[in-house]
Amino acid sequence: PHIGTFRLVKMVENIRREIEALGGEIRFQQQVADVLIEDGQLRGV
């Protein structure tokens, strides 16, 4: 199976909308510059 680029664009948008409708949050143009680690445990970004 394959989809091709143009169909992938619309498909990705629809999945994003479903995640958001379920309470998820997608933030674009947000690069992670560091990770917060305390005693070997991740505490944030």
All heavy atoms as atom14 arrays in JSON, in Angstrom:
{
  "sequence": "PHIGTFRLVKMVENIRREIEALGGEIRFQQQVADVLIEDGQLRGV",
  "atom14_mask": [
    [1, 1, 1, 1, 1, 1, 1, 0, 0, 0, 0, 0, 0, 0],
    [1, 1, 1, 1, 1, 1, 1, 1, 1, 1, 0, 0, 0, 0],
    [1, 1, 1, 1, 1, 1, 1, 1, 0, 0, 0, 0, 0, 0],
    [1, 1, 1, 1, 0, 0, 0, 0, 0, 0, 0, 0, 0, 0],
    [1, 1, 1, 1, 1, 1, 1, 0, 0, 0, 0, 0, 0, 0],
    [1, 1, 1, 1, 1, 1, 1, 1, 1, 1, 1, 0, 0, 0],
    [1, 1, 1, 1, 1, 1, 1, 1, 1, 1, 1, 0, 0, 0],
    [1, 1, 1, 1, 1, 1, 1, 1, 0, 0, 0, 0, 0, 0],
    [1, 1, 1, 1, 1, 1, 1, 0, 0, 0, 0, 0, 0, 0],
    [1, 1, 1, 1, 1, 1, 1, 1, 1, 0, 0, 0, 0, 0],
    [1, 1, 1, 1, 1, 1, 1, 1, 0, 0, 0, 0, 0, 0],
    [1, 1, 1, 1, 1, 1, 1, 0, 0, 0, 0, 0, 0, 0],
    [1, 1, 1, 1, 1, 1, 1, 1, 1, 0, 0, 0, 0, 0],
    [1, 1, 1, 1, 1, 1, 1, 1, 0, 0, 0, 0, 0, 0],
    [1, 1, 1, 1, 1, 1, 1, 1, 0, 0, 0, 0, 0, 0],
    [1, 1, 1, 1, 1, 1, 1, 1, 1, 1, 1, 0, 0, 0],
    [1, 1, 1, 1, 1, 1, 1, 1, 1, 1, 1, 0, 0, 0],
    [1, 1, 1, 1, 1, 1, 1, 1, 1, 0, 0, 0, 0, 0],
    [1, 1, 1, 1, 1, 1, 1, 1, 0, 0, 0, 0, 0, 0],
    [1, 1, 1, 1, 1, 1, 1, 1, 1, 0, 0, 0, 0, 0],
    [1, 1, 1, 1, 1, 0, 0, 0, 0, 0, 0, 0, 0, 0],
    [1, 1, 1, 1, 1, 1, 1, 1, 0, 0, 0, 0, 0, 0],
    [1, 1, 1, 1, 0, 0, 0, 0, 0, 0, 0, 0, 0, 0],
    [1, 1, 1, 1, 0, 0, 0, 0, 0, 0, 0, 0, 0, 0],
    [1, 1, 1, 1, 1, 1, 1, 1, 1, 0, 0, 0, 0, 0],
    [1, 1, 1, 1, 1, 1, 1, 1, 0, 0, 0, 0, 0, 0],
    [1, 1, 1, 1, 1, 1, 1, 1, 1, 1, 1, 0, 0, 0],
    [1, 1, 1, 1, 1, 1, 1, 1, 1, 1, 1, 0, 0, 0],
    [1, 1, 1, 1, 1, 1, 1, 1, 1, 0, 0, 0, 0, 0],
    [1, 1, 1, 1, 1, 1, 1, 1, 1, 0, 0, 0, 0, 0],
    [1, 1, 1, 1, 1, 1, 1, 1, 1, 0, 0, 0, 0, 0],
    [1, 1, 1, 1, 1, 1, 1, 0, 0, 0, 0, 0, 0, 0],
    [1, 1, 1, 1, 1, 0, 0, 0, 0, 0, 0, 0, 0, 0],
    [1, 1, 1, 1, 1, 1, 1, 1, 0, 0, 0, 0, 0, 0],
    [1, 1, 1, 1, 1, 1, 1, 0, 0, 0, 0, 0, 0, 0],
    [1, 1, 1, 1, 1, 1, 1, 1, 0, 0, 0, 0, 0, 0],
    [1, 1, 1, 1, 1, 1, 1, 1, 0, 0, 0, 0, 0, 0],
    [1, 1, 1, 1, 1, 1, 1, 1, 1, 0, 0, 0, 0, 0],
    [1, 1, 1, 1, 1, 1, 1, 1, 0, 0, 0, 0, 0, 0],
    [1, 1, 1, 1, 0, 0, 0, 0, 0, 0, 0, 0, 0, 0],
    [1, 1, 1, 1, 1, 1, 1, 1, 1, 0, 0, 0, 0, 0],
    [1, 1, 1, 1, 1, 1, 1, 1, 0, 0, 0, 0, 0, 0],
    [1, 1, 1, 1, 1, 1, 1, 1, 1, 1, 1, 0, 0, 0],
    [1, 1, 1, 1, 0, 0, 0, 0, 0, 0, 0, 0, 0, 0],
    [1, 1, 1, 1, 1, 1, 1, 0, 0, 0, 0, 0, 0, 0]
  ],
  "atom14_positions": [
    [[0.81, -1.22, 0.0], [0.0, 0.0, 0.0], [0.84, 1.26, 0.0], [1.93, 1.3, 0.54], [-0.81, -0.12, 1.29], [0.02, -0.98, 2.19], [0.72, -1.95, 1.27], [0.0, 0.0, 0.0], [0.0, 0.0, 0.0], [0.0, 0.0, 0.0], [0.0, 0.0, 0.0], [0.0, 0.0, 0.0], [0.0, 0.0, 0.0], [0.0, 0.0, 0.0]],
    [[0.32, 2.3, -0.62], [0.96, 3.61, -0.58], [-0.14, 4.67, -0.68], [-1.26, 4.38, -1.09], [1.98, 3.77, -1.7], [1.38, 4.01, -3.05], [0.79, 3.0, -3.78], [1.25, 5.14, -3.8], [0.34, 3.49, -4.93], [0.59, 4.79, -4.96], [0.0, 0.0, 0.0], [0.0, 0.0, 0.0], [0.0, 0.0, 0.0], [0.0, 0.0, 0.0]],
    [[0.2, 5.89, -0.29], [-0.78, 6.97, -0.3], [-0.37, 8.07, -1.28], [-1.17, 8.55, -2.07], [-0.96, 7.57, 1.11], [-1.46, 6.5, 2.08], [-1.95, 8.73, 1.08], [-1.6, 7.0, 3.51], [0.0, 0.0, 0.0], [0.0, 0.0, 0.0], [0.0, 0.0, 0.0], [0.0, 0.0, 0.0], [0.0, 0.0, 0.0], [0.0, 0.0, 0.0]],
    [[0.88, 8.49, -1.24], [1.32, 9.6, -2.06], [1.22, 10.91, -1.29], [0.43, 11.06, -0.35], [0.0, 0.0, 0.0], [0.0, 0.0, 0.0], [0.0, 0.0, 0.0], [0.0, 0.0, 0.0], [0.0, 0.0, 0.0], [0.0, 0.0, 0.0], [0.0, 0.0, 0.0], [0.0, 0.0, 0.0], [0.0, 0.0, 0.0], [0.0, 0.0, 0.0]],
    [[2.02, 11.88, -1.69], [2.19, 13.1, -0.92], [0.9, 13.91, -0.76], [0.54, 14.32, 0.34], [3.27, 13.97, -1.57], [4.53, 13.31, -1.41], [3.37, 15.33, -0.91], [0.0, 0.0, 0.0], [0.0, 0.0, 0.0], [0.0, 0.0, 0.0], [0.0, 0.0, 0.0], [0.0, 0.0, 0.0], [0.0, 0.0, 0.0], [0.0, 0.0, 0.0]],
    [[0.17, 14.17, -1.86], [-0.99, 15.05, -1.75], [-2.04, 14.47, -0.81], [-2.68, 15.2, -0.03], [-1.59, 15.3, -3.14], [-0.75, 16.21, -4.0], [-0.94, 16.25, -5.37], [0.23, 17.02, -3.46], [-0.18, 17.09, -6.18], [1.0, 17.85, -4.24], [0.79, 17.88, -5.61], [0.0, 0.0, 0.0], [0.0, 0.0, 0.0], [0.0, 0.0, 0.0]],
    [[-2.29, 13.19, -0.85], [-3.28, 12.58, 0.03], [-2.79, 12.56, 1.47], [-3.58, 12.65, 2.41], [-3.61, 11.17, -0.45], [-4.35, 11.14, -1.77], [-4.99, 9.8, -2.02], [-5.76, 9.81, -3.26], [-6.74, 8.97, -3.55], [-7.09, 8.05, -2.68], [-7.38, 9.03, -4.7], [0.0, 0.0, 0.0], [0.0, 0.0, 0.0], [0.0, 0.0, 0.0]],
    [[-1.49, 12.42, 1.66], [-0.95, 12.44, 3.02], [-1.22, 13.78, 3.71], [-1.48, 13.83, 4.91], [0.56, 12.18, 2.97], [1.01, 10.72, 2.96], [2.48, 10.63, 2.55], [0.81, 10.08, 4.31], [0.0, 0.0, 0.0], [0.0, 0.0, 0.0], [0.0, 0.0, 0.0], [0.0, 0.0, 0.0], [0.0, 0.0, 0.0], [0.0, 0.0, 0.0]],
    [[-1.16, 14.86, 2.96], [-1.36, 16.19, 3.54], [-2.73, 16.26, 4.2], [-2.86, 16.65, 5.37], [-1.21, 17.27, 2.45], [-1.72, 18.62, 2.95], [0.25, 17.39, 2.02], [0.0, 0.0, 0.0], [0.0, 0.0, 0.0], [0.0, 0.0, 0.0], [0.0, 0.0, 0.0], [0.0, 0.0, 0.0], [0.0, 0.0, 0.0], [0.0, 0.0, 0.0]],
    [[-3.78, 15.91, 3.48], [-5.13, 15.99, 4.02], [-5.32, 15.01, 5.17], [-5.97, 15.33, 6.18], [-6.14, 15.7, 2.91], [-7.59, 15.89, 3.35], [-7.88, 17.34, 3.69], [-9.36, 17.54, 4.02], [-9.64, 18.94, 4.42], [0.0, 0.0, 0.0], [0.0, 0.0, 0.0], [0.0, 0.0, 0.0], [0.0, 0.0, 0.0], [0.0, 0.0, 0.0]],
    [[-4.75, 13.83, 5.04], [-4.88, 12.81, 6.08], [-4.25, 13.27, 7.39], [-4.84, 13.13, 8.47], [-4.21, 11.53, 5.59], [-4.42, 10.32, 6.45], [-3.26, 9.05, 5.95], [-1.76, 9.63, 6.73], [0.0, 0.0, 0.0], [0.0, 0.0, 0.0], [0.0, 0.0, 0.0], [0.0, 0.0, 0.0], [0.0, 0.0, 0.0], [0.0, 0.0, 0.0]],
    [[-3.07, 13.87, 7.31], [-2.38, 14.35, 8.51], [-3.2, 15.44, 9.19], [-3.32, 15.48, 10.42], [-0.97, 14.87, 8.14], [-0.37, 15.67, 9.27], [-0.06, 13.7, 7.78], [0.0, 0.0, 0.0], [0.0, 0.0, 0.0], [0.0, 0.0, 0.0], [0.0, 0.0, 0.0], [0.0, 0.0, 0.0], [0.0, 0.0, 0.0], [0.0, 0.0, 0.0]],
    [[-3.78, 16.33, 8.4], [-4.61, 17.38, 8.98], [-5.81, 16.8, 9.73], [-6.17, 17.28, 10.82], [-5.11, 18.32, 7.88], [-4.03, 19.21, 7.29], [-4.58, 20.11, 6.21], [-5.43, 19.65, 5.42], [-4.16, 21.28, 6.15], [0.0, 0.0, 0.0], [0.0, 0.0, 0.0], [0.0, 0.0, 0.0], [0.0, 0.0, 0.0], [0.0, 0.0, 0.0]],
    [[-6.42, 15.78, 9.18], [-7.59, 15.18, 9.83], [-7.23, 14.49, 11.14], [-7.98, 14.57, 12.11], [-8.26, 14.19, 8.87], [-9.0, 14.88, 7.75], [-9.38, 16.05, 7.86], [-9.21, 14.17, 6.65], [0.0, 0.0, 0.0], [0.0, 0.0, 0.0], [0.0, 0.0, 0.0], [0.0, 0.0, 0.0], [0.0, 0.0, 0.0], [0.0, 0.0, 0.0]],
    [[-6.08, 13.83, 11.19], [-5.66, 13.2, 12.44], [-5.35, 14.27, 13.48], [-5.68, 14.11, 14.66], [-4.45, 12.29, 12.2], [-4.84, 11.11, 11.3], [-3.9, 11.77, 13.54], [-3.69, 10.18, 10.95], [0.0, 0.0, 0.0], [0.0, 0.0, 0.0], [0.0, 0.0, 0.0], [0.0, 0.0, 0.0], [0.0, 0.0, 0.0], [0.0, 0.0, 0.0]],
    [[-4.72, 15.36, 13.05], [-4.45, 16.45, 13.99], [-5.76, 16.96, 14.61], [-5.85, 17.15, 15.83], [-3.76, 17.61, 13.27], [-3.4, 18.77, 14.2], [-3.68, 20.12, 13.56], [-3.05, 20.27, 12.26], [-3.39, 21.21, 11.38], [-4.36, 22.07, 11.67], [-2.8, 21.31, 10.21], [0.0, 0.0, 0.0], [0.0, 0.0, 0.0], [0.0, 0.0, 0.0]],
    [[-6.79, 17.12, 13.8], [-8.07, 17.61, 14.31], [-8.68, 16.63, 15.3], [-9.3, 17.04, 16.29], [-9.02, 17.87, 13.15], [-8.58, 19.02, 12.24], [-9.65, 19.38, 11.22], [-9.16, 20.41, 10.31], [-8.76, 20.18, 9.07], [-8.79, 18.95, 8.58], [-8.32, 21.17, 8.3], [0.0, 0.0, 0.0], [0.0, 0.0, 0.0], [0.0, 0.0, 0.0]],
    [[-8.53, 15.34, 15.06], [-9.07, 14.36, 16.0], [-8.34, 14.42, 17.34], [-8.97, 14.37, 18.41], [-8.99, 12.94, 15.44], [-9.56, 11.91, 16.43], [-9.64, 10.5, 15.9], [-9.38, 10.3, 14.7], [-9.97, 9.61, 16.68], [0.0, 0.0, 0.0], [0.0, 0.0, 0.0], [0.0, 0.0, 0.0], [0.0, 0.0, 0.0], [0.0, 0.0, 0.0]],
    [[-7.01, 14.53, 17.29], [-6.25, 14.64, 18.54], [-6.71, 15.86, 19.33], [-6.92, 15.79, 20.55], [-4.74, 14.73, 18.24], [-4.23, 13.4, 17.65], [-3.95, 15.07, 19.51], [-2.81, 13.46, 17.14], [0.0, 0.0, 0.0], [0.0, 0.0, 0.0], [0.0, 0.0, 0.0], [0.0, 0.0, 0.0], [0.0, 0.0, 0.0], [0.0, 0.0, 0.0]],
    [[-6.89, 16.97, 18.64], [-7.33, 18.18, 19.32], [-8.75, 18.03, 19.88], [-9.05, 18.49, 20.99], [-7.27, 19.37, 18.36], [-5.83, 19.77, 18.0], [-5.76, 20.82, 16.92], [-6.68, 20.9, 16.08], [-4.76, 21.57, 16.91], [0.0, 0.0, 0.0], [0.0, 0.0, 0.0], [0.0, 0.0, 0.0], [0.0, 0.0, 0.0], [0.0, 0.0, 0.0]],
    [[-9.62, 17.36, 19.13], [-11.0, 17.16, 19.61], [-11.04, 16.3, 20.86], [-11.96, 16.43, 21.67], [-11.83, 16.53, 18.5], [0.0, 0.0, 0.0], [0.0, 0.0, 0.0], [0.0, 0.0, 0.0], [0.0, 0.0, 0.0], [0.0, 0.0, 0.0], [0.0, 0.0, 0.0], [0.0, 0.0, 0.0], [0.0, 0.0, 0.0], [0.0, 0.0, 0.0]],
    [[-10.04, 15.44, 21.02], [-9.96, 14.56, 22.19], [-9.2, 15.2, 23.35], [-8.94, 14.54, 24.35], [-9.3, 13.24, 21.79], [-10.12, 12.34, 20.84], [-9.26, 11.21, 20.3], [-11.36, 11.8, 21.54], [0.0, 0.0, 0.0], [0.0, 0.0, 0.0], [0.0, 0.0, 0.0], [0.0, 0.0, 0.0], [0.0, 0.0, 0.0], [0.0, 0.0, 0.0]],
    [[-8.84, 16.46, 23.22], [-8.18, 17.16, 24.31], [-6.68, 17.29, 24.18], [-6.02, 17.89, 25.04], [0.0, 0.0, 0.0], [0.0, 0.0, 0.0], [0.0, 0.0, 0.0], [0.0, 0.0, 0.0], [0.0, 0.0, 0.0], [0.0, 0.0, 0.0], [0.0, 0.0, 0.0], [0.0, 0.0, 0.0], [0.0, 0.0, 0.0], [0.0, 0.0, 0.0]],
    [[-6.12, 16.76, 23.1], [-4.69, 16.92, 22.86], [-4.37, 18.32, 22.35], [-5.26, 19.07, 21.92], [0.0, 0.0, 0.0], [0.0, 0.0, 0.0], [0.0, 0.0, 0.0], [0.0, 0.0, 0.0], [0.0, 0.0, 0.0], [0.0, 0.0, 0.0], [0.0, 0.0, 0.0], [0.0, 0.0, 0.0], [0.0, 0.0, 0.0], [0.0, 0.0, 0.0]],
    [[-3.11, 18.67, 22.4], [-2.68, 20.01, 21.98], [-1.45, 19.87, 21.1], [-0.46, 19.23, 21.5], [-2.36, 20.85, 23.22], [-1.85, 22.25, 22.94], [-1.46, 22.98, 24.2], [-1.78, 22.5, 25.31], [-0.81, 24.04, 24.08], [0.0, 0.0, 0.0], [0.0, 0.0, 0.0], [0.0, 0.0, 0.0], [0.0, 0.0, 0.0], [0.0, 0.0, 0.0]],
    [[-1.5, 20.43, 19.9], [-0.35, 20.41, 18.99], [0.14, 21.84, 18.84], [-0.6, 22.73, 18.42], [-0.7, 19.81, 17.62], [-1.17, 18.35, 17.75], [0.53, 19.85, 16.71], [-2.64, 18.18, 17.74], [0.0, 0.0, 0.0], [0.0, 0.0, 0.0], [0.0, 0.0, 0.0], [0.0, 0.0, 0.0], [0.0, 0.0, 0.0], [0.0, 0.0, 0.0]],
    [[1.41, 22.04, 19.2], [2.02, 23.38, 19.15], [3.13, 23.37, 18.1], [4.12, 22.64, 18.22], [2.56, 23.76, 20.52], [1.46, 23.85, 21.58], [2.01, 24.06, 22.98], [2.84, 25.26, 23.08], [3.39, 25.7, 24.21], [3.2, 25.01, 25.34], [4.11, 26.79, 24.23], [0.0, 0.0, 0.0], [0.0, 0.0, 0.0], [0.0, 0.0, 0.0]],
    [[2.96, 24.18, 17.06], [3.92, 24.23, 15.97], [4.96, 25.32, 16.21], [4.78, 26.22, 17.02], [3.2, 24.46, 14.64], [2.32, 23.31, 14.25], [0.95, 23.35, 14.49], [2.86, 22.18, 13.68], [0.14, 22.28, 14.15], [2.06, 21.09, 13.32], [0.7, 21.15, 13.57], [0.0, 0.0, 0.0], [0.0, 0.0, 0.0], [0.0, 0.0, 0.0]],
    [[6.09, 25.17, 15.5], [7.22, 26.09, 15.61], [7.7, 26.2, 17.06], [7.99, 27.27, 17.56], [6.87, 27.46, 15.02], [6.59, 27.4, 13.51], [6.22, 28.73, 12.92], [5.04, 29.09, 12.82], [7.24, 29.5, 12.53], [0.0, 0.0, 0.0], [0.0, 0.0, 0.0], [0.0, 0.0, 0.0], [0.0, 0.0, 0.0], [0.0, 0.0, 0.0]],
    [[7.76, 25.04, 17.71], [8.17, 24.95, 19.11], [9.32, 23.94, 19.21], [9.07, 22.73, 19.27], [7.01, 24.51, 20.0], [5.82, 25.44, 19.97], [6.08, 26.75, 20.69], [6.75, 26.79, 21.71], [5.55, 27.84, 20.15], [0.0, 0.0, 0.0], [0.0, 0.0, 0.0], [0.0, 0.0, 0.0], [0.0, 0.0, 0.0], [0.0, 0.0, 0.0]],
    [[10.53, 24.4, 19.18], [11.69, 23.52, 19.25], [12.12, 23.32, 20.7], [12.21, 24.27, 21.48], [12.87, 24.08, 18.46], [14.08, 23.14, 18.46], [15.22, 23.67, 17.62], [15.1, 24.72, 16.99], [16.34, 22.97, 17.61], [0.0, 0.0, 0.0], [0.0, 0.0, 0.0], [0.0, 0.0, 0.0], [0.0, 0.0, 0.0], [0.0, 0.0, 0.0]],
    [[12.37, 22.06, 21.05], [12.88, 21.74, 22.39], [14.38, 22.01, 22.42], [15.14, 21.43, 21.65], [12.58, 20.27, 22.75], [13.25, 19.88, 24.06], [11.07, 20.07, 22.85], [0.0, 0.0, 0.0], [0.0, 0.0, 0.0], [0.0, 0.0, 0.0], [0.0, 0.0, 0.0], [0.0, 0.0, 0.0], [0.0, 0.0, 0.0], [0.0, 0.0, 0.0]],
    [[14.79, 22.9, 23.31], [16.19, 23.32, 23.4], [16.94, 22.65, 24.54], [18.18, 22.66, 24.57], [16.29, 24.83, 23.55], [0.0, 0.0, 0.0], [0.0, 0.0, 0.0], [0.0, 0.0, 0.0], [0.0, 0.0, 0.0], [0.0, 0.0, 0.0], [0.0, 0.0, 0.0], [0.0, 0.0, 0.0], [0.0, 0.0, 0.0], [0.0, 0.0, 0.0]],
    [[16.2, 22.07, 25.51], [16.86, 21.46, 26.67], [15.87, 20.51, 27.33], [14.65, 20.62, 27.14], [17.3, 22.53, 27.66], [18.38, 22.05, 28.63], [18.82, 20.88, 28.5], [18.78, 22.83, 29.51], [0.0, 0.0, 0.0], [0.0, 0.0, 0.0], [0.0, 0.0, 0.0], [0.0, 0.0, 0.0], [0.0, 0.0, 0.0], [0.0, 0.0, 0.0]],
    [[16.4, 19.56, 28.09], [15.57, 18.67, 28.89], [15.98, 18.84, 30.35], [17.16, 19.04, 30.66], [15.69, 17.2, 28.46], [15.03, 16.98, 27.11], [17.16, 16.76, 28.39], [0.0, 0.0, 0.0], [0.0, 0.0, 0.0], [0.0, 0.0, 0.0], [0.0, 0.0, 0.0], [0.0, 0.0, 0.0], [0.0, 0.0, 0.0], [0.0, 0.0, 0.0]],
    [[15.0, 18.78, 31.23], [15.24, 18.93, 32.67], [15.33, 17.55, 33.3], [14.37, 16.77, 33.25], [14.11, 19.74, 33.31], [13.86, 21.12, 32.7], [12.63, 21.77, 33.33], [15.09, 22.01, 32.86], [0.0, 0.0, 0.0], [0.0, 0.0, 0.0], [0.0, 0.0, 0.0], [0.0, 0.0, 0.0], [0.0, 0.0, 0.0], [0.0, 0.0, 0.0]],
    [[16.49, 17.25, 33.87], [16.73, 15.94, 34.48], [17.19, 16.13, 35.91], [18.11, 16.91, 36.17], [17.8, 15.15, 33.68], [17.38, 15.01, 32.2], [18.06, 13.78, 34.3], [18.47, 14.46, 31.29], [0.0, 0.0, 0.0], [0.0, 0.0, 0.0], [0.0, 0.0, 0.0], [0.0, 0.0, 0.0], [0.0, 0.0, 0.0], [0.0, 0.0, 0.0]],
    [[16.54, 15.42, 36.82], [16.91, 15.46, 38.23], [17.14, 14.04, 38.74], [16.21, 13.24, 38.75], [15.8, 16.13, 39.06], [15.52, 17.58, 38.68], [14.33, 18.16, 39.43], [13.8, 17.44, 40.32], [13.94, 19.31, 39.15], [0.0, 0.0, 0.0], [0.0, 0.0, 0.0], [0.0, 0.0, 0.0], [0.0, 0.0, 0.0], [0.0, 0.0, 0.0]],
    [[18.38, 13.74, 39.1], [18.73, 12.42, 39.64], [18.26, 11.29, 38.72], [17.7, 10.29, 39.17], [18.14, 12.23, 41.04], [18.7, 13.25, 42.03], [19.89, 13.6, 41.92], [17.92, 13.71, 42.89], [0.0, 0.0, 0.0], [0.0, 0.0, 0.0], [0.0, 0.0, 0.0], [0.0, 0.0, 0.0], [0.0, 0.0, 0.0], [0.0, 0.0, 0.0]],
    [[18.5, 11.47, 37.43], [18.16, 10.42, 36.48], [16.7, 10.34, 36.11], [16.3, 9.43, 35.38], [0.0, 0.0, 0.0], [0.0, 0.0, 0.0], [0.0, 0.0, 0.0], [0.0, 0.0, 0.0], [0.0, 0.0, 0.0], [0.0, 0.0, 0.0], [0.0, 0.0, 0.0], [0.0, 0.0, 0.0], [0.0, 0.0, 0.0], [0.0, 0.0, 0.0]],
    [[15.89, 11.28, 36.57], [14.45, 11.31, 36.25], [14.15, 12.56, 35.44], [14.52, 13.67, 35.81], [13.61, 11.3, 37.52], [12.14, 11.59, 37.31], [11.4, 10.53, 36.52], [11.5, 9.35, 36.87], [10.69, 10.92, 35.47], [0.0, 0.0, 0.0], [0.0, 0.0, 0.0], [0.0, 0.0, 0.0], [0.0, 0.0, 0.0], [0.0, 0.0, 0.0]],
    [[13.47, 12.39, 34.32], [13.06, 13.53, 33.51], [12.0, 14.33, 34.26], [11.05, 13.76, 34.82], [12.48, 13.04, 32.18], [12.13, 14.18, 31.23], [13.35, 14.59, 30.44], [11.0, 13.79, 30.31], [0.0, 0.0, 0.0], [0.0, 0.0, 0.0], [0.0, 0.0, 0.0], [0.0, 0.0, 0.0], [0.0, 0.0, 0.0], [0.0, 0.0, 0.0]],
    [[12.13, 15.64, 34.23], [11.16, 16.51, 34.9], [10.54, 17.55, 33.98], [9.68, 18.32, 34.41], [11.83, 17.22, 36.08], [12.28, 16.29, 37.2], [11.13, 15.48, 37.76], [11.54, 14.63, 38.88], [10.8, 13.66, 39.4], [9.6, 13.4, 38.88], [11.24, 12.94, 40.41], [0.0, 0.0, 0.0], [0.0, 0.0, 0.0], [0.0, 0.0, 0.0]],
    [[10.94, 17.58, 32.72], [10.32, 18.52, 31.8], [11.22, 18.88, 30.64], [12.33, 18.33, 30.49], [0.0, 0.0, 0.0], [0.0, 0.0, 0.0], [0.0, 0.0, 0.0], [0.0, 0.0, 0.0], [0.0, 0.0, 0.0], [0.0, 0.0, 0.0], [0.0, 0.0, 0.0], [0.0, 0.0, 0.0], [0.0, 0.0, 0.0], [0.0, 0.0, 0.0]],
    [[10.75, 19.8, 29.82], [11.51, 20.26, 28.66], [11.53, 21.79, 28.66], [10.65, 22.44, 29.22], [10.92, 19.74, 27.33], [10.96, 18.22, 27.28], [9.49, 20.24, 27.13], [0.0, 0.0, 0.0], [0.0, 0.0, 0.0], [0.0, 0.0, 0.0], [0.0, 0.0, 0.0], [0.0, 0.0, 0.0], [0.0, 0.0, 0.0], [0.0, 0.0, 0.0]]
  ]
}
